[in-house]
Amino acid sequence: MAQKITILLAGRDYIMNASSPEEERRIRLAAEAVNSRLSLYTRSFPGQKEADLMPFVALNECIARLSLEDGKKALEDEAGKLLEDTLSYLKTRK
């Protein structure tokens, strides 16, 4: 059953549903990351409205996610290659 939680984003409270404690943890960590990045941009660009900085926060977080996905793909490819090499080696040992 979904649990309603309240998170703080850019100084405003938002109510969200979390279907599990793990999802709640992810939501809260994501909110912390967004608020931290927004704080960094707010200090770097004084006088800018938070609403104008939020697209940069979203872009930066998406870039980070895509970089992780690229890294994951490279690791999966390497694991597949190692498995192939191992199976090939074992076949020659029979």
Protein backbone atom coordinates (compact mmCIF):
# COMPACT_ATOMS: atom_id res chain seq x y z
CA MET A 1 0.00 0.00 0.00
CA ALA A 2 1.31 3.44 -0.91
CA GLN A 3 2.33 5.75 1.88
CA LYS A 4 2.04 9.52 1.55
CA ILE A 5 5.26 11.34 2.27
CA THR A 6 6.14 15.01 2.20
CA ILE A 7 9.35 16.20 0.61
CA LEU A 8 10.85 19.65 0.37
CA LEU A 9 11.93 20.82 -3.08
CA ALA A 10 13.15 24.34 -3.72
CA GLY A 11 11.64 25.53 -0.46
CA ARG A 12 8.18 24.07 -1.14
CA ASP A 13 6.53 21.00 0.33
CA TYR A 14 5.25 18.33 -2.03
CA ILE A 15 3.20 15.28 -1.14
CA MET A 16 4.16 12.10 -2.93
CA ASN A 17 3.22 8.44 -2.72
CA ALA A 18 5.88 5.88 -1.89
CA SER A 19 4.95 2.25 -2.50
CA SER A 20 7.69 0.86 -0.26
CA PRO A 21 10.32 1.97 2.24
CA GLU A 22 12.95 1.56 -0.50
CA GLU A 23 11.03 3.87 -2.83
CA GLU A 24 10.63 6.39 0.00
CA ARG A 25 14.38 6.29 0.56
CA ARG A 26 15.00 6.89 -3.16
CA ILE A 27 12.54 9.80 -3.27
CA ARG A 28 14.13 11.44 -0.25
CA LEU A 29 17.66 10.96 -1.62
CA ALA A 30 16.56 12.40 -4.97
CA ALA A 31 15.02 15.42 -3.24
CA GLU A 32 18.27 15.96 -1.32
CA ALA A 33 20.27 15.78 -4.56
CA VAL A 34 17.99 18.28 -6.30
CA ASN A 35 18.07 20.68 -3.35
CA SER A 36 21.85 20.38 -3.07
CA ARG A 37 22.38 21.07 -6.79
CA LEU A 38 19.90 23.97 -6.66
CA SER A 39 21.77 25.44 -3.71
CA LEU A 40 25.02 25.21 -5.66
CA TYR A 41 23.50 26.99 -8.66
CA THR A 42 21.88 29.60 -6.43
CA ARG A 43 25.30 30.43 -4.95
CA SER A 44 26.96 30.38 -8.38
CA PHE A 45 24.34 32.60 -10.02
CA PRO A 46 23.14 35.06 -7.38
CA GLY A 47 20.05 37.02 -8.28
CA GLN A 48 18.63 34.29 -10.52
CA LYS A 49 15.22 32.91 -9.61
CA GLU A 50 15.12 29.31 -8.46
CA ALA A 51 12.53 28.60 -11.14
CA ASP A 52 15.04 29.70 -13.78
CA LEU A 53 17.75 27.48 -12.28
CA MET A 54 15.64 24.33 -11.98
CA PRO A 55 16.00 23.38 -15.68
CA PHE A 56 19.77 23.36 -15.19
CA VAL A 57 19.36 21.16 -12.12
CA ALA A 58 17.22 18.75 -14.13
CA LEU A 59 19.68 18.76 -17.03
CA ASN A 60 22.64 18.13 -14.73
CA GLU A 61 20.89 15.23 -12.98
CA CYS A 62 19.93 13.69 -16.35
CA ILE A 63 23.50 13.99 -17.60
CA ALA A 64 24.70 12.20 -14.47
CA ARG A 65 22.12 9.43 -14.95
CA LEU A 66 23.05 8.98 -18.61
CA SER A 67 26.74 8.79 -17.69
CA LEU A 68 25.95 6.06 -15.18
CA GLU A 69 23.91 4.18 -17.78
CA ASP A 70 26.84 4.38 -20.22
CA GLY A 71 29.18 3.05 -17.54
CA LYS A 72 26.77 0.24 -16.72
CA LYS A 73 26.54 -0.72 -20.40
CA ALA A 74 30.33 -0.82 -20.69
CA LEU A 75 30.56 -3.04 -17.61
CA GLU A 76 27.85 -5.36 -18.95
CA ASP A 77 29.70 -5.62 -22.26
CA GLU A 78 32.95 -6.41 -20.46
CA ALA A 79 31.22 -9.03 -18.29
CA GLY A 80 29.78 -10.65 -21.42
CA LYS A 81 33.21 -10.71 -23.04
CA LEU A 82 34.76 -12.26 -19.93
CA LEU A 83 32.03 -14.90 -19.84
CA GLU A 84 32.64 -15.74 -23.50
CA ASP A 85 36.39 -15.98 -22.90
CA THR A 86 35.86 -18.19 -19.85
CA LEU A 87 33.49 -20.53 -21.68
CA SER A 88 35.88 -20.70 -24.63
CA TYR A 89 38.76 -21.52 -22.32
CA LEU A 90 36.77 -24.23 -20.53
CA LYS A 91 35.83 -25.84 -23.85
CA THR A 92 39.48 -26.12 -24.85
CA ARG A 93 40.35 -27.74 -21.49
CA LYS A 94 38.01 -30.73 -22.00
